[in-house]
């Protein structure tokens, strides 16, 4: 007759008694600034190339993110953005550095 046993979680660190979640690495992307019309926000366009699943043709996909910038960045510059807490309804990314 099987008995019900409570499984022990072996992944929990025995010495760490804190209930905080582990720190996750944030997502980062590199893209080009296409608009700076807002005061603290820039629009960054990320382009990626991928092969079409059926036809195998290389397709360019673009996606635009609104990112919080601490200083004004000129249009055409390449920047690195990082995912962060929501600053507003549509802004959940922030500019880390200007690459070019």
N, C-alpha and C. Protein backbone atom coordinates (compact mmCIF):
# COMPACT_ATOMS: atom_id res chain seq x y z
N UNK A 1 0.84 -1.17 0.00
CA UNK A 1 0.00 0.00 0.00
C UNK A 1 0.89 1.24 0.00
N UNK A 2 0.76 2.14 -1.03
CA UNK A 2 1.63 3.31 -1.10
C UNK A 2 1.25 4.34 -0.03
N UNK A 3 2.26 4.94 0.50
CA UNK A 3 2.02 5.99 1.49
C UNK A 3 2.30 7.33 0.85
N UNK A 4 1.57 8.33 1.26
CA UNK A 4 1.80 9.66 0.70
C UNK A 4 2.96 10.32 1.43
N UNK A 5 3.91 10.77 0.66
CA UNK A 5 5.08 11.43 1.23
C UNK A 5 5.17 12.85 0.70
N UNK A 6 5.67 13.71 1.51
CA UNK A 6 5.89 15.08 1.10
C UNK A 6 7.28 15.15 0.49
N UNK A 7 7.36 15.63 -0.75
CA UNK A 7 8.65 15.72 -1.41
C UNK A 7 9.46 16.86 -0.82
N UNK A 8 10.73 16.61 -0.63
CA UNK A 8 11.63 17.66 -0.17
C UNK A 8 12.20 18.37 -1.38
N UNK A 9 12.27 19.69 -1.31
CA UNK A 9 12.85 20.46 -2.40
C UNK A 9 14.35 20.55 -2.16
N UNK A 10 15.12 19.86 -2.99
CA UNK A 10 16.57 19.84 -2.83
C UNK A 10 17.24 21.06 -3.40
N UNK A 11 16.49 21.92 -4.11
CA UNK A 11 17.09 23.09 -4.73
C UNK A 11 17.20 24.27 -3.77
N UNK A 12 16.57 24.20 -2.63
CA UNK A 12 16.61 25.30 -1.67
C UNK A 12 17.93 25.24 -0.91
N UNK A 13 18.55 26.40 -0.82
CA UNK A 13 19.80 26.50 -0.08
C UNK A 13 19.48 26.39 1.40
N UNK A 14 20.13 25.45 2.08
CA UNK A 14 19.83 25.19 3.49
C UNK A 14 20.26 26.36 4.39
N UNK A 15 21.37 27.04 4.04
CA UNK A 15 21.86 28.10 4.89
C UNK A 15 21.12 29.41 4.70
N UNK A 16 20.49 29.61 3.56
CA UNK A 16 19.81 30.85 3.26
C UNK A 16 18.37 30.77 3.74
N UNK A 17 18.04 31.50 4.78
CA UNK A 17 16.69 31.46 5.34
C UNK A 17 15.81 32.61 4.85
N UNK A 18 16.37 33.50 4.01
CA UNK A 18 15.57 34.62 3.52
C UNK A 18 14.53 34.13 2.52
N UNK A 19 13.45 34.88 2.40
CA UNK A 19 12.36 34.49 1.52
C UNK A 19 12.36 35.29 0.23
N UNK A 20 13.49 35.92 -0.11
CA UNK A 20 13.57 36.72 -1.32
C UNK A 20 13.76 35.82 -2.53
N UNK A 21 13.25 36.26 -3.65
CA UNK A 21 13.40 35.51 -4.89
C UNK A 21 14.82 35.70 -5.43
N UNK A 22 15.31 34.75 -6.21
CA UNK A 22 16.65 34.92 -6.79
C UNK A 22 16.68 36.08 -7.77
N UNK A 23 17.82 36.73 -7.88
CA UNK A 23 17.98 37.86 -8.77
C UNK A 23 18.10 37.35 -10.20
N UNK A 24 17.28 37.90 -11.09
CA UNK A 24 17.32 37.49 -12.49
C UNK A 24 18.07 38.53 -13.31
N UNK A 25 18.74 38.05 -14.35
CA UNK A 25 19.41 38.96 -15.25
C UNK A 25 18.37 39.61 -16.14
N UNK A 26 18.47 40.93 -16.32
CA UNK A 26 17.49 41.65 -17.11
C UNK A 26 17.79 41.53 -18.59
N UNK A 27 16.75 41.59 -19.42
CA UNK A 27 16.92 41.52 -20.87
C UNK A 27 17.52 42.82 -21.37
N UNK A 28 18.47 42.71 -22.29
CA UNK A 28 19.06 43.89 -22.92
C UNK A 28 18.98 43.73 -24.43
N UNK A 29 18.77 44.85 -25.12
CA UNK A 29 18.69 44.88 -26.57
C UNK A 29 19.49 46.06 -27.09
N UNK A 30 19.94 45.96 -28.34
CA UNK A 30 20.66 47.06 -28.98
C UNK A 30 19.85 47.50 -30.18
N UNK A 31 19.63 48.81 -30.28
CA UNK A 31 18.83 49.32 -31.39
C UNK A 31 19.16 50.76 -31.71
N UNK A 32 18.43 51.31 -32.67
CA UNK A 32 18.67 52.65 -33.19
C UNK A 32 17.55 53.58 -32.72
N UNK A 33 17.91 54.78 -32.28
CA UNK A 33 16.93 55.77 -31.86
C UNK A 33 16.29 56.36 -33.11
N UNK A 34 14.95 56.28 -33.19
CA UNK A 34 14.24 56.79 -34.36
C UNK A 34 13.39 58.01 -34.04
N UNK A 35 13.14 58.29 -32.75
CA UNK A 35 12.36 59.46 -32.39
C UNK A 35 12.75 59.93 -30.99
N UNK A 36 12.81 61.26 -30.82
CA UNK A 36 13.10 61.83 -29.51
C UNK A 36 12.17 63.00 -29.21
N UNK A 37 10.94 62.93 -29.67
CA UNK A 37 10.00 64.04 -29.55
C UNK A 37 9.45 64.21 -28.13
N UNK A 38 9.58 63.20 -27.29
CA UNK A 38 9.09 63.30 -25.92
C UNK A 38 10.20 63.80 -25.00
N UNK A 39 9.84 64.27 -23.81
CA UNK A 39 10.83 64.88 -22.93
C UNK A 39 11.85 63.89 -22.38
N UNK A 40 11.38 62.79 -21.79
CA UNK A 40 12.29 61.84 -21.14
C UNK A 40 12.32 60.48 -21.83
N UNK A 41 11.62 60.37 -22.93
CA UNK A 41 11.46 59.07 -23.58
C UNK A 41 11.94 59.13 -25.02
N UNK A 42 12.61 58.05 -25.46
CA UNK A 42 13.01 57.90 -26.86
C UNK A 42 12.39 56.62 -27.40
N UNK A 43 12.21 56.56 -28.71
CA UNK A 43 11.72 55.35 -29.35
C UNK A 43 12.91 54.68 -30.02
N UNK A 44 13.14 53.41 -29.65
CA UNK A 44 14.27 52.63 -30.16
C UNK A 44 13.71 51.53 -31.05
N UNK A 45 14.29 51.41 -32.25
CA UNK A 45 13.86 50.39 -33.20
C UNK A 45 14.87 49.25 -33.22
N UNK A 46 14.39 48.05 -32.99
CA UNK A 46 15.22 46.84 -32.98
C UNK A 46 14.92 46.06 -34.25
N UNK A 47 15.96 45.74 -35.02
CA UNK A 47 15.75 44.95 -36.23
C UNK A 47 16.43 43.60 -36.06
N UNK A 48 15.75 42.55 -36.54
CA UNK A 48 16.33 41.21 -36.49
C UNK A 48 16.02 40.51 -37.80
N UNK A 49 16.95 39.70 -38.23
CA UNK A 49 16.77 38.95 -39.47
C UNK A 49 16.60 37.48 -39.13
N UNK A 50 15.63 36.86 -39.81
CA UNK A 50 15.37 35.44 -39.57
C UNK A 50 14.92 34.79 -40.87
N UNK A 51 15.10 33.49 -40.98
CA UNK A 51 14.65 32.76 -42.16
C UNK A 51 13.17 32.41 -42.00
N UNK A 52 12.41 32.59 -43.07
CA UNK A 52 11.00 32.24 -43.05
C UNK A 52 10.88 30.73 -42.84
N UNK A 53 9.98 30.27 -41.96
CA UNK A 53 9.91 28.84 -41.66
C UNK A 53 9.60 27.95 -42.86
N UNK A 54 8.76 28.44 -43.77
CA UNK A 54 8.38 27.60 -44.91
C UNK A 54 9.22 27.90 -46.14
N UNK A 55 9.41 29.17 -46.46
CA UNK A 55 10.03 29.54 -47.73
C UNK A 55 11.53 29.78 -47.62
N UNK A 56 12.08 29.82 -46.42
CA UNK A 56 13.52 29.95 -46.17
C UNK A 56 14.12 31.26 -46.67
N UNK A 57 13.29 32.24 -46.98
CA UNK A 57 13.80 33.55 -47.38
C UNK A 57 14.11 34.35 -46.13
N UNK A 58 15.19 35.14 -46.17
CA UNK A 58 15.56 35.96 -45.03
C UNK A 58 14.60 37.15 -44.95
N UNK A 59 13.95 37.27 -43.79
CA UNK A 59 12.96 38.31 -43.56
C UNK A 59 13.46 39.21 -42.45
N UNK A 60 13.32 40.53 -42.65
CA UNK A 60 13.72 41.49 -41.63
C UNK A 60 12.50 41.87 -40.80
N UNK A 61 12.61 41.70 -39.50
CA UNK A 61 11.53 42.08 -38.59
C UNK A 61 11.98 43.28 -37.77
N UNK A 62 11.11 44.25 -37.59
CA UNK A 62 11.43 45.42 -36.78
C UNK A 62 10.42 45.54 -35.65
N UNK A 63 10.88 45.98 -34.52
CA UNK A 63 10.02 46.22 -33.36
C UNK A 63 10.48 47.50 -32.70
N UNK A 64 9.52 48.29 -32.25
CA UNK A 64 9.84 49.59 -31.64
C UNK A 64 9.51 49.54 -30.15
N UNK A 65 10.46 50.02 -29.34
CA UNK A 65 10.29 50.08 -27.90
C UNK A 65 10.40 51.52 -27.44
N UNK A 66 9.58 51.90 -26.47
CA UNK A 66 9.74 53.21 -25.83
C UNK A 66 10.62 53.01 -24.61
N UNK A 67 11.69 53.80 -24.52
CA UNK A 67 12.66 53.65 -23.45
C UNK A 67 12.87 54.98 -22.75
N UNK A 68 13.06 54.94 -21.44
CA UNK A 68 13.32 56.14 -20.64
C UNK A 68 14.79 56.49 -20.76
N UNK A 69 15.07 57.74 -21.09
CA UNK A 69 16.44 58.22 -21.23
C UNK A 69 16.66 59.34 -20.23
N UNK A 70 17.79 59.30 -19.52
CA UNK A 70 18.07 60.34 -18.53
C UNK A 70 18.49 61.65 -19.20
N UNK A 71 19.10 61.57 -20.40
CA UNK A 71 19.49 62.77 -21.14
C UNK A 71 19.00 62.64 -22.57
N UNK A 72 18.99 63.74 -23.30
CA UNK A 72 18.53 63.72 -24.69
C UNK A 72 19.54 62.98 -25.56
N UNK A 73 19.06 62.11 -26.41
CA UNK A 73 19.90 61.33 -27.32
C UNK A 73 19.46 61.67 -28.73
N UNK A 74 20.41 61.90 -29.60
CA UNK A 74 20.10 62.29 -30.97
C UNK A 74 19.54 61.11 -31.77
N UNK A 75 18.71 61.44 -32.75
CA UNK A 75 18.14 60.43 -33.65
C UNK A 75 19.27 59.85 -34.50
N UNK A 76 19.26 58.54 -34.68
CA UNK A 76 20.28 57.86 -35.47
C UNK A 76 21.36 57.21 -34.64
N UNK A 77 21.44 57.51 -33.35
CA UNK A 77 22.45 56.90 -32.48
C UNK A 77 22.01 55.49 -32.11
N UNK A 78 22.98 54.60 -31.92
CA UNK A 78 22.70 53.26 -31.45
C UNK A 78 22.83 53.23 -29.94
N UNK A 79 21.85 52.60 -29.27
CA UNK A 79 21.84 52.55 -27.82
C UNK A 79 21.56 51.13 -27.34
N UNK A 80 21.94 50.87 -26.10
CA UNK A 80 21.62 49.61 -25.45
C UNK A 80 20.51 49.90 -24.44
N UNK A 81 19.40 49.14 -24.52
CA UNK A 81 18.30 49.34 -23.59
C UNK A 81 18.14 48.09 -22.72
N UNK A 82 17.58 48.30 -21.52
CA UNK A 82 17.42 47.22 -20.55
C UNK A 82 15.99 47.24 -20.05
N UNK A 83 15.41 46.06 -19.88
CA UNK A 83 14.05 45.97 -19.36
C UNK A 83 14.05 46.34 -17.89
N UNK A 84 13.05 47.11 -17.47
CA UNK A 84 12.99 47.56 -16.09
C UNK A 84 11.54 47.62 -15.63
N UNK A 85 11.34 48.23 -14.49
CA UNK A 85 9.97 48.37 -13.98
C UNK A 85 9.20 49.32 -14.90
N UNK A 86 7.89 49.25 -14.92
CA UNK A 86 7.12 50.16 -15.77
C UNK A 86 7.23 51.61 -15.28
N UNK A 87 7.65 52.50 -16.18
CA UNK A 87 7.68 53.93 -15.87
C UNK A 87 6.33 54.57 -16.15
N UNK A 88 5.62 54.04 -17.14
CA UNK A 88 4.29 54.51 -17.48
C UNK A 88 3.54 53.37 -18.16
N UNK A 89 2.43 53.69 -18.78
CA UNK A 89 1.62 52.65 -19.43
C UNK A 89 2.39 51.91 -20.52
N UNK A 90 3.19 52.63 -21.30
CA UNK A 90 3.87 52.02 -22.44
C UNK A 90 5.39 51.93 -22.30
N UNK A 91 5.96 52.54 -21.27
CA UNK A 91 7.42 52.59 -21.14
C UNK A 91 7.87 51.63 -20.05
N UNK A 92 8.57 50.55 -20.46
CA UNK A 92 9.09 49.58 -19.51
C UNK A 92 10.56 49.26 -19.79
N UNK A 93 11.23 50.09 -20.55
CA UNK A 93 12.64 49.91 -20.88
C UNK A 93 13.38 51.20 -20.53
N UNK A 94 14.68 51.10 -20.28
CA UNK A 94 15.49 52.30 -20.03
C UNK A 94 16.81 52.20 -20.79
N UNK A 95 17.33 53.34 -21.17
CA UNK A 95 18.57 53.39 -21.92
C UNK A 95 19.74 53.23 -20.94
N UNK A 96 20.63 52.27 -21.21
CA UNK A 96 21.80 52.05 -20.36
C UNK A 96 22.99 52.87 -20.87
N UNK A 97 23.25 52.74 -22.19
CA UNK A 97 24.41 53.44 -22.73
C UNK A 97 24.18 53.79 -24.19
N UNK A 98 24.91 54.80 -24.64
CA UNK A 98 24.91 55.17 -26.05
C UNK A 98 26.13 54.53 -26.68
N UNK A 99 25.93 53.71 -27.71
CA UNK A 99 27.04 52.97 -28.33
C UNK A 99 27.73 53.84 -29.38
N UNK A 100 26.95 54.46 -30.27
CA UNK A 100 27.52 55.32 -31.31
C UNK A 100 26.85 56.67 -31.29
